[in-house]
């Protein structure tokens, strides 16, 4: 958000957010979706340095009453222009069928990987609802990869190692190498 704001290019980006608010460390549980509450929108907008979201994914939390309340809240944010589109997180085919009667969404986010089989009928059902489809790799897999990388990086470093300074030092070494041999890095 800050980079887009600084570059004055916010209008060129599509900013999506959803209801995962817990930060976690490499050896901690990732947590799960939390129901949207009124203060969450301000926190998301502030964090992303934007005055609106292009898309807000309403991820179910497993409680029908909370799911209903958070959808109503998200719809109110859309009505105020703070959110342009609402998205559904990977609804079941049964849930897609229910959306034929009441359809508050404009897009769907659906994780997919090659081991999941044919999702053609699923994506067709979304298209019939008029939804834009955002396909992605399963996020948990990405978090798990981040966790594995962080553990691997920390394994060979002392407790007082300054990870923030390391990239700056490496960049300084690369800059020095470039100044010494400018043609070497152009190949």
N, C-alpha and C. Protein backbone atom coordinates (compact mmCIF):
# COMPACT_ATOMS: atom_id res chain seq x y z
N UNK A 1 0.80 -1.19 0.00
CA UNK A 1 0.00 0.00 0.00
C UNK A 1 0.84 1.26 0.00
N UNK A 2 1.87 1.31 0.85
CA UNK A 2 2.71 2.49 0.93
C UNK A 2 3.45 2.72 -0.38
N UNK A 3 3.93 1.63 -0.99
CA UNK A 3 4.66 1.75 -2.27
C UNK A 3 3.74 2.30 -3.35
N UNK A 4 2.52 1.78 -3.43
CA UNK A 4 1.57 2.27 -4.44
C UNK A 4 1.26 3.75 -4.21
N UNK A 5 1.09 4.12 -2.95
CA UNK A 5 0.79 5.51 -2.62
C UNK A 5 1.96 6.41 -3.01
N UNK A 6 3.16 6.01 -2.66
CA UNK A 6 4.35 6.81 -2.97
C UNK A 6 4.54 6.96 -4.48
N UNK A 7 4.27 5.90 -5.22
CA UNK A 7 4.41 5.95 -6.68
C UNK A 7 3.23 6.61 -7.37
N UNK A 8 2.19 6.96 -6.59
CA UNK A 8 0.95 7.54 -7.15
C UNK A 8 0.34 6.61 -8.20
N UNK A 9 0.33 5.28 -7.87
CA UNK A 9 -0.17 4.29 -8.84
C UNK A 9 -1.26 3.40 -8.23
N UNK A 10 -1.90 3.87 -7.17
CA UNK A 10 -2.94 3.07 -6.52
C UNK A 10 -4.02 2.66 -7.51
N UNK A 11 -4.39 3.54 -8.42
CA UNK A 11 -5.48 3.27 -9.35
C UNK A 11 -5.15 2.11 -10.29
N UNK A 12 -3.87 1.79 -10.46
CA UNK A 12 -3.47 0.71 -11.36
C UNK A 12 -3.51 -0.66 -10.68
N UNK A 13 -3.59 -0.67 -9.38
CA UNK A 13 -3.53 -1.92 -8.62
C UNK A 13 -4.94 -2.40 -8.26
N UNK A 14 -5.06 -3.67 -7.99
CA UNK A 14 -6.29 -4.25 -7.45
C UNK A 14 -5.92 -4.81 -6.09
N UNK A 15 -6.46 -4.20 -5.05
CA UNK A 15 -6.10 -4.55 -3.68
C UNK A 15 -7.21 -5.42 -3.10
N UNK A 16 -6.84 -6.64 -2.71
CA UNK A 16 -7.77 -7.59 -2.08
C UNK A 16 -7.32 -7.82 -0.64
N UNK A 17 -8.28 -8.06 0.22
CA UNK A 17 -7.97 -8.38 1.62
C UNK A 17 -9.02 -9.36 2.13
N UNK A 18 -8.69 -10.06 3.20
CA UNK A 18 -9.68 -10.90 3.86
C UNK A 18 -9.39 -11.01 5.33
N UNK A 19 -10.20 -11.78 6.02
CA UNK A 19 -10.28 -11.74 7.47
C UNK A 19 -9.33 -12.70 8.18
N UNK A 20 -8.05 -12.53 7.93
CA UNK A 20 -7.00 -13.19 8.70
C UNK A 20 -6.19 -12.08 9.34
N UNK A 21 -6.21 -12.00 10.66
CA UNK A 21 -5.61 -10.87 11.35
C UNK A 21 -4.45 -11.25 12.26
N UNK A 22 -4.24 -12.53 12.49
CA UNK A 22 -3.24 -12.96 13.45
C UNK A 22 -1.86 -13.08 12.79
N UNK A 23 -0.88 -12.36 13.35
CA UNK A 23 0.50 -12.58 12.93
C UNK A 23 1.00 -13.81 13.66
N UNK A 24 1.91 -14.52 13.06
CA UNK A 24 2.45 -15.71 13.72
C UNK A 24 3.92 -15.85 13.38
N UNK A 25 4.60 -16.50 14.27
CA UNK A 25 6.03 -16.78 14.11
C UNK A 25 6.19 -18.14 13.44
N UNK A 26 7.40 -18.43 12.92
CA UNK A 26 7.60 -19.69 12.20
C UNK A 26 7.17 -20.95 12.95
N UNK A 27 7.28 -20.96 14.27
CA UNK A 27 6.93 -22.17 15.01
C UNK A 27 5.57 -22.07 15.70
N UNK A 28 4.76 -21.07 15.34
CA UNK A 28 3.44 -20.90 15.93
C UNK A 28 2.35 -21.36 14.98
N UNK A 29 1.18 -21.62 15.54
CA UNK A 29 0.01 -21.95 14.74
C UNK A 29 -0.40 -20.74 13.91
N UNK A 30 -0.85 -20.99 12.69
CA UNK A 30 -1.25 -19.91 11.79
C UNK A 30 -2.59 -19.30 12.15
N UNK A 31 -3.34 -19.97 12.97
CA UNK A 31 -4.67 -19.45 13.28
C UNK A 31 -5.61 -19.67 12.12
N UNK A 32 -6.70 -18.95 12.13
CA UNK A 32 -7.68 -19.08 11.07
C UNK A 32 -8.40 -17.78 10.84
N UNK A 33 -9.42 -17.84 10.03
CA UNK A 33 -10.21 -16.64 9.75
C UNK A 33 -10.95 -16.21 11.01
N UNK A 34 -11.07 -14.90 11.17
CA UNK A 34 -11.84 -14.33 12.27
C UNK A 34 -13.01 -13.56 11.65
N UNK A 35 -14.14 -13.50 12.33
CA UNK A 35 -15.25 -12.74 11.75
C UNK A 35 -14.91 -11.26 11.69
N UNK A 36 -15.29 -10.62 10.59
CA UNK A 36 -15.08 -9.18 10.48
C UNK A 36 -15.86 -8.48 11.57
N UNK A 37 -15.21 -7.48 12.16
CA UNK A 37 -15.85 -6.58 13.12
C UNK A 37 -15.68 -5.17 12.58
N UNK A 38 -16.45 -4.24 13.09
CA UNK A 38 -16.46 -2.87 12.56
C UNK A 38 -15.06 -2.26 12.46
N UNK A 39 -14.23 -2.46 13.47
CA UNK A 39 -12.90 -1.83 13.48
C UNK A 39 -11.92 -2.46 12.48
N UNK A 40 -12.22 -3.63 11.97
CA UNK A 40 -11.29 -4.30 11.06
C UNK A 40 -11.08 -3.54 9.76
N UNK A 41 -12.12 -2.94 9.21
CA UNK A 41 -11.97 -2.25 7.94
C UNK A 41 -10.97 -1.10 8.08
N UNK A 42 -11.09 -0.30 9.11
CA UNK A 42 -10.15 0.81 9.32
C UNK A 42 -8.72 0.27 9.45
N UNK A 43 -8.55 -0.82 10.18
CA UNK A 43 -7.21 -1.39 10.35
C UNK A 43 -6.64 -1.86 9.01
N UNK A 44 -7.46 -2.50 8.20
CA UNK A 44 -7.02 -3.00 6.89
C UNK A 44 -6.65 -1.82 5.98
N UNK A 45 -7.52 -0.82 5.92
CA UNK A 45 -7.26 0.33 5.06
C UNK A 45 -6.00 1.07 5.49
N UNK A 46 -5.83 1.24 6.80
CA UNK A 46 -4.63 1.90 7.31
C UNK A 46 -3.37 1.09 6.98
N UNK A 47 -3.46 -0.21 7.18
CA UNK A 47 -2.32 -1.08 6.92
C UNK A 47 -1.92 -1.04 5.45
N UNK A 48 -2.90 -1.02 4.56
CA UNK A 48 -2.63 -1.03 3.12
C UNK A 48 -2.50 0.38 2.54
N UNK A 49 -2.66 1.39 3.38
CA UNK A 49 -2.52 2.79 2.96
C UNK A 49 -3.41 3.10 1.75
N UNK A 50 -4.68 2.79 1.91
CA UNK A 50 -5.65 3.05 0.85
C UNK A 50 -6.96 3.49 1.47
N UNK A 51 -7.79 4.14 0.69
CA UNK A 51 -9.08 4.60 1.21
C UNK A 51 -10.21 3.62 0.88
N UNK A 52 -9.90 2.62 0.04
CA UNK A 52 -10.91 1.62 -0.30
C UNK A 52 -10.21 0.33 -0.72
N UNK A 53 -10.97 -0.75 -0.72
CA UNK A 53 -10.49 -2.04 -1.20
C UNK A 53 -11.21 -2.38 -2.49
N UNK A 54 -10.48 -2.91 -3.44
CA UNK A 54 -11.13 -3.36 -4.67
C UNK A 54 -11.94 -4.61 -4.41
N UNK A 55 -11.44 -5.46 -3.53
CA UNK A 55 -12.15 -6.68 -3.20
C UNK A 55 -11.94 -7.07 -1.75
N UNK A 56 -12.99 -7.54 -1.13
CA UNK A 56 -12.92 -8.04 0.23
C UNK A 56 -13.44 -9.46 0.21
N UNK A 57 -12.59 -10.40 0.58
CA UNK A 57 -12.97 -11.80 0.62
C UNK A 57 -13.58 -12.09 1.99
N UNK A 58 -14.79 -12.62 1.97
CA UNK A 58 -15.47 -12.96 3.21
C UNK A 58 -15.26 -14.46 3.43
N UNK A 59 -14.28 -14.77 4.25
CA UNK A 59 -13.90 -16.15 4.54
C UNK A 59 -14.78 -16.66 5.68
N UNK A 60 -15.50 -17.76 5.50
CA UNK A 60 -16.34 -18.26 6.58
C UNK A 60 -15.52 -18.63 7.82
N UNK A 61 -16.14 -18.46 8.98
CA UNK A 61 -15.44 -18.77 10.23
C UNK A 61 -15.99 -20.01 10.92
N UNK A 62 -16.99 -20.65 10.31
CA UNK A 62 -17.50 -21.90 10.87
C UNK A 62 -18.69 -21.76 11.79
N UNK A 63 -19.16 -20.55 12.00
CA UNK A 63 -20.34 -20.32 12.83
C UNK A 63 -21.36 -19.58 11.97
N UNK A 64 -22.50 -20.21 11.69
CA UNK A 64 -23.48 -19.59 10.78
C UNK A 64 -23.92 -18.19 11.19
N UNK A 65 -24.10 -17.95 12.50
CA UNK A 65 -24.51 -16.61 12.95
C UNK A 65 -23.41 -15.58 12.70
N UNK A 66 -22.16 -15.94 13.04
CA UNK A 66 -21.05 -15.01 12.80
C UNK A 66 -20.83 -14.80 11.31
N UNK A 67 -20.97 -15.88 10.53
CA UNK A 67 -20.82 -15.74 9.08
C UNK A 67 -21.86 -14.78 8.51
N UNK A 68 -23.09 -14.88 8.99
CA UNK A 68 -24.15 -13.99 8.53
C UNK A 68 -23.87 -12.54 8.92
N UNK A 69 -23.45 -12.32 10.17
CA UNK A 69 -23.16 -10.96 10.64
C UNK A 69 -21.99 -10.34 9.87
N UNK A 70 -20.95 -11.14 9.64
CA UNK A 70 -19.80 -10.55 8.94
C UNK A 70 -20.14 -10.25 7.47
N UNK A 71 -20.97 -11.06 6.85
CA UNK A 71 -21.39 -10.77 5.48
C UNK A 71 -22.22 -9.49 5.44
N UNK A 72 -23.13 -9.32 6.40
CA UNK A 72 -23.93 -8.10 6.46
C UNK A 72 -23.04 -6.87 6.65
N UNK A 73 -22.03 -7.00 7.52
CA UNK A 73 -21.10 -5.90 7.75
C UNK A 73 -20.32 -5.58 6.47
N UNK A 74 -19.83 -6.61 5.80
CA UNK A 74 -19.09 -6.42 4.55
C UNK A 74 -19.99 -5.75 3.49
N UNK A 75 -21.24 -6.15 3.44
CA UNK A 75 -22.18 -5.53 2.49
C UNK A 75 -22.39 -4.05 2.83
N UNK A 76 -22.41 -3.73 4.12
CA UNK A 76 -22.57 -2.31 4.50
C UNK A 76 -21.34 -1.52 4.08
N UNK A 77 -20.15 -2.09 4.19
CA UNK A 77 -18.93 -1.41 3.75
C UNK A 77 -18.97 -1.19 2.23
N UNK A 78 -19.47 -2.18 1.52
CA UNK A 78 -19.60 -2.03 0.07
C UNK A 78 -20.61 -0.92 -0.24
N UNK A 79 -21.71 -0.88 0.49
CA UNK A 79 -22.72 0.15 0.29
C UNK A 79 -22.19 1.56 0.52
N UNK A 80 -21.19 1.70 1.40
CA UNK A 80 -20.57 2.99 1.70
C UNK A 80 -19.43 3.32 0.74
N UNK A 81 -19.12 2.39 -0.20
CA UNK A 81 -18.06 2.64 -1.16
C UNK A 81 -16.66 2.35 -0.66
N UNK A 82 -16.54 1.76 0.52
CA UNK A 82 -15.22 1.45 1.08
C UNK A 82 -14.68 0.15 0.50
N UNK A 83 -15.57 -0.67 -0.03
CA UNK A 83 -15.23 -1.94 -0.68
C UNK A 83 -15.97 -1.96 -2.01
N UNK A 84 -15.25 -2.25 -3.08
CA UNK A 84 -15.88 -2.25 -4.41
C UNK A 84 -16.60 -3.57 -4.70
N UNK A 85 -15.95 -4.69 -4.36
CA UNK A 85 -16.55 -6.01 -4.65
C UNK A 85 -16.37 -6.92 -3.44
N UNK A 86 -17.32 -7.82 -3.26
CA UNK A 86 -17.20 -8.86 -2.23
C UNK A 86 -16.90 -10.19 -2.90
N UNK A 87 -16.03 -10.95 -2.25
CA UNK A 87 -15.66 -12.25 -2.78
C UNK A 87 -15.94 -13.34 -1.77
N UNK A 88 -16.22 -14.51 -2.30
CA UNK A 88 -16.45 -15.69 -1.48
C UNK A 88 -15.17 -16.52 -1.47
N UNK A 89 -14.84 -17.08 -0.32
CA UNK A 89 -13.67 -17.94 -0.21
C UNK A 89 -14.09 -19.38 -0.43
N UNK A 90 -13.79 -19.92 -1.58
CA UNK A 90 -13.88 -21.34 -1.88
C UNK A 90 -15.17 -22.00 -1.39
N UNK A 91 -16.33 -21.45 -1.75
CA UNK A 91 -17.58 -22.07 -1.28
C UNK A 91 -17.80 -23.45 -1.92
N UNK A 92 -18.50 -24.29 -1.21
CA UNK A 92 -18.84 -25.62 -1.73
C UNK A 92 -19.81 -25.46 -2.89
N UNK A 93 -20.00 -26.55 -3.63
CA UNK A 93 -20.99 -26.52 -4.72
C UNK A 93 -22.39 -26.25 -4.17
N UNK A 94 -22.70 -26.79 -2.97
CA UNK A 94 -23.99 -26.52 -2.35
C UNK A 94 -24.16 -25.03 -2.04
N UNK A 95 -23.09 -24.41 -1.53
CA UNK A 95 -23.15 -22.98 -1.23
C UNK A 95 -23.30 -22.17 -2.51
N UNK A 96 -22.65 -22.61 -3.59
CA UNK A 96 -22.82 -21.93 -4.87
C UNK A 96 -24.27 -21.99 -5.33
N UNK A 97 -24.89 -23.14 -5.12
CA UNK A 97 -26.31 -23.30 -5.49
C UNK A 97 -27.18 -22.32 -4.70
N UNK A 98 -26.88 -22.13 -3.41
CA UNK A 98 -27.65 -21.19 -2.59
C UNK A 98 -27.48 -19.76 -3.09
N UNK A 99 -26.32 -19.46 -3.69
CA UNK A 99 -26.08 -18.11 -4.21
C UNK A 99 -26.94 -17.80 -5.44
N UNK A 100 -27.54 -18.82 -6.03
CA UNK A 100 -28.45 -18.56 -7.15
C UNK A 100 -29.68 -17.79 -6.66
N UNK A 101 -30.05 -18.00 -5.38
CA UNK A 101 -31.20 -17.30 -4.80
C UNK A 101 -30.82 -15.95 -4.21
N UNK A 102 -29.68 -15.90 -3.55
CA UNK A 102 -29.20 -14.66 -2.91
C UNK A 102 -27.70 -14.57 -3.17
N UNK A 103 -27.29 -13.64 -4.02
CA UNK A 103 -25.92 -13.58 -4.47
C UNK A 103 -25.27 -12.25 -4.10
N UNK A 104 -24.61 -12.17 -2.95
CA UNK A 104 -23.97 -10.91 -2.56
C UNK A 104 -22.56 -10.74 -3.12
N UNK A 105 -22.06 -11.74 -3.84
CA UNK A 105 -20.65 -11.74 -4.25
C UNK A 105 -20.47 -11.38 -5.72
N UNK A 106 -19.26 -10.88 -6.01
CA UNK A 106 -18.88 -10.58 -7.39
C UNK A 106 -17.71 -11.44 -7.86
N UNK A 107 -17.03 -12.10 -6.91
CA UNK A 107 -15.91 -12.95 -7.30
C UNK A 107 -15.72 -14.06 -6.28
N UNK A 108 -14.92 -15.03 -6.68
CA UNK A 108 -14.60 -16.15 -5.81
C UNK A 108 -13.08 -16.33 -5.81
N UNK A 109 -12.53 -16.65 -4.64
CA UNK A 109 -11.12 -17.02 -4.54
C UNK A 109 -11.11 -18.52 -4.25
N UNK A 110 -10.44 -19.26 -5.11
CA UNK A 110 -10.45 -20.72 -5.00
C UNK A 110 -9.02 -21.24 -5.08
N UNK A 111 -8.49 -21.78 -3.97
CA UNK A 111 -7.18 -22.41 -4.06
C UNK A 111 -7.26 -23.67 -4.90
N UNK A 112 -6.21 -23.91 -5.64
CA UNK A 112 -6.18 -25.09 -6.50
C UNK A 112 -4.74 -25.53 -6.71
N UNK A 113 -4.54 -26.81 -6.77
CA UNK A 113 -3.26 -27.36 -7.19
C UNK A 113 -3.54 -28.62 -8.00
N UNK A 114 -2.53 -29.11 -8.70
CA UNK A 114 -2.74 -30.19 -9.66
C UNK A 114 -3.30 -31.45 -9.04
N UNK A 115 -3.12 -31.66 -7.77
CA UNK A 115 -3.65 -32.86 -7.12
C UNK A 115 -5.12 -32.78 -6.77
N UNK A 116 -5.76 -31.65 -7.04
CA UNK A 116 -7.16 -31.48 -6.64
C UNK A 116 -8.14 -31.99 -7.68
N UNK A 117 -7.67 -32.41 -8.82
CA UNK A 117 -8.58 -32.94 -9.83
C UNK A 117 -9.23 -31.84 -10.65
N UNK A 118 -10.26 -32.23 -11.36
CA UNK A 118 -10.93 -31.33 -12.30
C UNK A 118 -11.88 -30.40 -11.57
N UNK A 119 -11.59 -29.12 -11.63
CA UNK A 119 -12.47 -28.13 -11.03
C UNK A 119 -13.30 -27.40 -12.09
N UNK A 120 -13.31 -27.95 -13.31
CA UNK A 120 -14.09 -27.33 -14.38
C UNK A 120 -15.53 -27.06 -14.00
N UNK A 121 -16.25 -28.05 -13.45
CA UNK A 121 -17.65 -27.80 -13.07
C UNK A 121 -17.77 -26.69 -12.00
N UNK A 122 -16.83 -26.64 -11.11
CA UNK A 122 -16.84 -25.62 -10.06
C UNK A 122 -16.71 -24.23 -10.70
N UNK A 123 -15.69 -24.06 -11.55
CA UNK A 123 -15.47 -22.77 -12.17
C UNK A 123 -16.62 -22.40 -13.11
N UNK A 124 -17.23 -23.38 -13.75
CA UNK A 124 -18.39 -23.12 -14.59
C UNK A 124 -19.56 -22.59 -13.75
N UNK A 125 -19.78 -23.20 -12.58
CA UNK A 125 -20.85 -22.74 -11.69
C UNK A 125 -20.60 -21.29 -11.26
N UNK A 126 -19.35 -20.95 -10.99
CA UNK A 126 -19.01 -19.57 -10.62
C UNK A 126 -19.28 -18.62 -11.79
N UNK A 127 -18.91 -19.05 -12.98
CA UNK A 127 -19.13 -18.22 -14.16
C UNK A 127 -20.63 -17.99 -14.38
N UNK A 128 -21.44 -19.03 -14.17
CA UNK A 128 -22.88 -18.89 -14.33
C UNK A 128 -23.47 -17.90 -13.33
N UNK A 129 -22.81 -17.74 -12.19
CA UNK A 129 -23.25 -16.74 -11.21
C UNK A 129 -22.77 -15.34 -11.57
N UNK A 130 -21.94 -15.25 -12.61
CA UNK A 130 -21.41 -13.95 -13.01
C UNK A 130 -20.19 -13.53 -12.22
N UNK A 131 -19.56 -14.48 -11.54
CA UNK A 131 -18.43 -14.15 -10.69
C UNK A 131 -17.12 -14.17 -11.46
N UNK A 132 -16.25 -13.26 -11.13
CA UNK A 132 -14.87 -13.31 -11.56
C UNK A 132 -14.19 -14.38 -10.70
N UNK A 133 -13.26 -15.12 -11.27
CA UNK A 133 -12.57 -16.17 -10.53
C UNK A 133 -11.12 -15.77 -10.28
N UNK A 134 -10.70 -15.88 -9.04
CA UNK A 134 -9.30 -15.68 -8.68
C UNK A 134 -8.80 -17.04 -8.22
N UNK A 135 -8.00 -17.67 -9.05
CA UNK A 135 -7.43 -18.97 -8.69
C UNK A 135 -6.07 -18.73 -8.06
N UNK A 136 -5.72 -19.52 -7.07
CA UNK A 136 -4.46 -19.31 -6.38
C UNK A 136 -3.96 -20.65 -5.83
N UNK A 137 -2.70 -20.66 -5.44
CA UNK A 137 -2.20 -21.84 -4.77
C UNK A 137 -2.72 -21.81 -3.34
N UNK A 138 -2.80 -22.95 -2.69
CA UNK A 138 -3.27 -22.96 -1.30
C UNK A 138 -2.35 -22.12 -0.42
N UNK A 139 -2.93 -21.16 0.30
CA UNK A 139 -2.13 -20.24 1.10
C UNK A 139 -1.38 -20.94 2.21
N UNK A 140 -1.99 -21.93 2.80
CA UNK A 140 -1.31 -22.62 3.89
C UNK A 140 0.01 -23.18 3.41
N UNK A 141 0.03 -23.67 2.19
CA UNK A 141 1.26 -24.19 1.62
C UNK A 141 2.33 -23.09 1.59
N UNK A 142 1.95 -21.88 1.21
CA UNK A 142 2.88 -20.76 1.19
C UNK A 142 3.38 -20.42 2.58
N UNK A 143 2.47 -20.42 3.55
CA UNK A 143 2.89 -20.13 4.92
C UNK A 143 3.82 -21.22 5.43
N UNK A 144 3.50 -22.45 5.10
CA UNK A 144 4.36 -23.55 5.53
C UNK A 144 5.74 -23.43 4.89
N UNK A 145 5.79 -23.03 3.63
CA UNK A 145 7.07 -22.83 2.97
C UNK A 145 7.84 -21.71 3.66
N UNK A 146 7.16 -20.60 3.96
CA UNK A 146 7.82 -19.52 4.70
C UNK A 146 8.37 -20.01 6.03
N UNK A 147 7.58 -20.83 6.69
CA UNK A 147 7.99 -21.37 7.99
C UNK A 147 9.24 -22.24 7.84
N UNK A 148 9.26 -23.09 6.82
CA UNK A 148 10.42 -23.96 6.59
C UNK A 148 11.66 -23.14 6.26
N UNK A 149 11.51 -22.12 5.42
CA UNK A 149 12.64 -21.27 5.05
C UNK A 149 13.17 -20.53 6.28
N UNK A 150 12.25 -19.99 7.08
CA UNK A 150 12.69 -19.27 8.27
C UNK A 150 13.45 -20.18 9.23
N UNK A 151 12.95 -21.39 9.41
CA UNK A 151 13.66 -22.34 10.29
C UNK A 151 15.02 -22.68 9.73
N UNK A 152 15.08 -22.90 8.43
CA UNK A 152 16.36 -23.25 7.81
C UNK A 152 17.35 -22.10 7.92
N UNK A 153 16.87 -20.88 7.73
CA UNK A 153 17.75 -19.72 7.83
C UNK A 153 18.29 -19.55 9.25
N UNK A 154 17.44 -19.79 10.23
CA UNK A 154 17.83 -19.57 11.62
C UNK A 154 18.71 -20.69 12.16
N UNK A 155 18.67 -21.84 11.54
CA UNK A 155 19.38 -23.01 12.08
C UNK A 155 20.88 -22.79 12.21
N UNK A 156 21.48 -22.07 11.28
CA UNK A 156 22.93 -21.92 11.28
C UNK A 156 23.39 -20.54 11.75
N UNK A 157 22.52 -19.78 12.36
CA UNK A 157 22.88 -18.43 12.77
C UNK A 157 22.80 -18.30 14.28
N UNK A 158 23.70 -17.50 14.86
CA UNK A 158 23.65 -17.29 16.31
C UNK A 158 22.40 -16.49 16.69
N UNK A 159 22.02 -16.59 17.96
CA UNK A 159 20.81 -15.91 18.44
C UNK A 159 20.83 -14.40 18.22
N UNK A 160 22.01 -13.79 18.22
CA UNK A 160 22.10 -12.34 18.09
C UNK A 160 22.34 -11.88 16.65
N UNK A 161 22.13 -12.76 15.67
CA UNK A 161 22.36 -12.42 14.27
C UNK A 161 21.37 -11.35 13.82
N UNK A 162 21.85 -10.32 13.15
CA UNK A 162 21.01 -9.21 12.70
C UNK A 162 20.53 -9.48 11.27
N UNK A 163 19.34 -10.11 11.16
CA UNK A 163 18.79 -10.44 9.84
C UNK A 163 18.47 -9.19 9.03
N UNK A 164 18.12 -8.10 9.70
CA UNK A 164 17.78 -6.88 8.98
C UNK A 164 19.01 -6.28 8.30
N UNK A 165 20.17 -6.39 8.94
CA UNK A 165 21.39 -5.81 8.38
C UNK A 165 21.97 -6.67 7.26
N UNK A 166 21.72 -7.96 7.30
CA UNK A 166 22.33 -8.88 6.33
C UNK A 166 22.05 -8.50 4.88
N UNK A 167 20.80 -8.21 4.49
CA UNK A 167 20.57 -7.83 3.08
C UNK A 167 21.29 -6.54 2.70
N UNK A 168 21.37 -5.59 3.64
CA UNK A 168 22.09 -4.35 3.34
C UNK A 168 23.57 -4.62 3.09
N UNK A 169 24.16 -5.51 3.90
CA UNK A 169 25.58 -5.85 3.72
C UNK A 169 25.79 -6.55 2.38
N UNK A 170 24.88 -7.46 2.04
CA UNK A 170 25.01 -8.17 0.77
C UNK A 170 24.86 -7.20 -0.40
N UNK A 171 23.90 -6.29 -0.30
CA UNK A 171 23.71 -5.30 -1.34
C UNK A 171 24.96 -4.43 -1.49
N UNK A 172 25.57 -4.05 -0.38
CA UNK A 172 26.79 -3.24 -0.44
C UNK A 172 27.90 -4.02 -1.14
N UNK A 173 28.00 -5.34 -0.85
CA UNK A 173 29.03 -6.16 -1.53
C UNK A 173 28.74 -6.24 -3.02
N UNK A 174 27.48 -6.43 -3.40
CA UNK A 174 27.12 -6.49 -4.81
C UNK A 174 27.41 -5.16 -5.50
N UNK A 175 27.10 -4.06 -4.81
CA UNK A 175 27.37 -2.74 -5.38
C UNK A 175 28.87 -2.56 -5.60
N UNK A 176 29.68 -2.98 -4.63
CA UNK A 176 31.13 -2.87 -4.77
C UNK A 176 31.62 -3.73 -5.94
N UNK A 177 31.09 -4.96 -6.06
CA UNK A 177 31.48 -5.82 -7.17
C UNK A 177 31.11 -5.17 -8.50
N UNK A 178 29.95 -4.56 -8.56
CA UNK A 178 29.50 -3.93 -9.80
C UNK A 178 30.41 -2.75 -10.17
N UNK A 179 30.78 -1.98 -9.15
CA UNK A 179 31.65 -0.84 -9.42
C UNK A 179 33.02 -1.28 -9.90
N UNK A 180 33.48 -2.43 -9.38
CA UNK A 180 34.78 -2.97 -9.80
C UNK A 180 34.71 -3.59 -11.19
N UNK A 181 33.60 -4.26 -11.51
CA UNK A 181 33.45 -4.99 -12.78
C UNK A 181 32.06 -4.74 -13.36
N UNK A 182 31.78 -3.55 -13.86
CA UNK A 182 30.43 -3.25 -14.34
C UNK A 182 29.93 -4.14 -15.47
N UNK A 183 30.81 -4.62 -16.32
CA UNK A 183 30.38 -5.47 -17.43
C UNK A 183 30.04 -6.90 -17.00
N UNK A 184 30.54 -7.33 -15.86
CA UNK A 184 30.33 -8.71 -15.41
C UNK A 184 28.86 -8.98 -15.09
N UNK A 185 28.14 -7.98 -14.60
CA UNK A 185 26.76 -8.19 -14.20
C UNK A 185 25.77 -7.97 -15.34
N UNK A 186 26.23 -7.56 -16.49
CA UNK A 186 25.33 -7.29 -17.62
C UNK A 186 25.08 -8.54 -18.46
N UNK A 187 25.86 -9.56 -18.26
CA UNK A 187 25.74 -10.77 -19.09
C UNK A 187 24.47 -11.51 -18.82
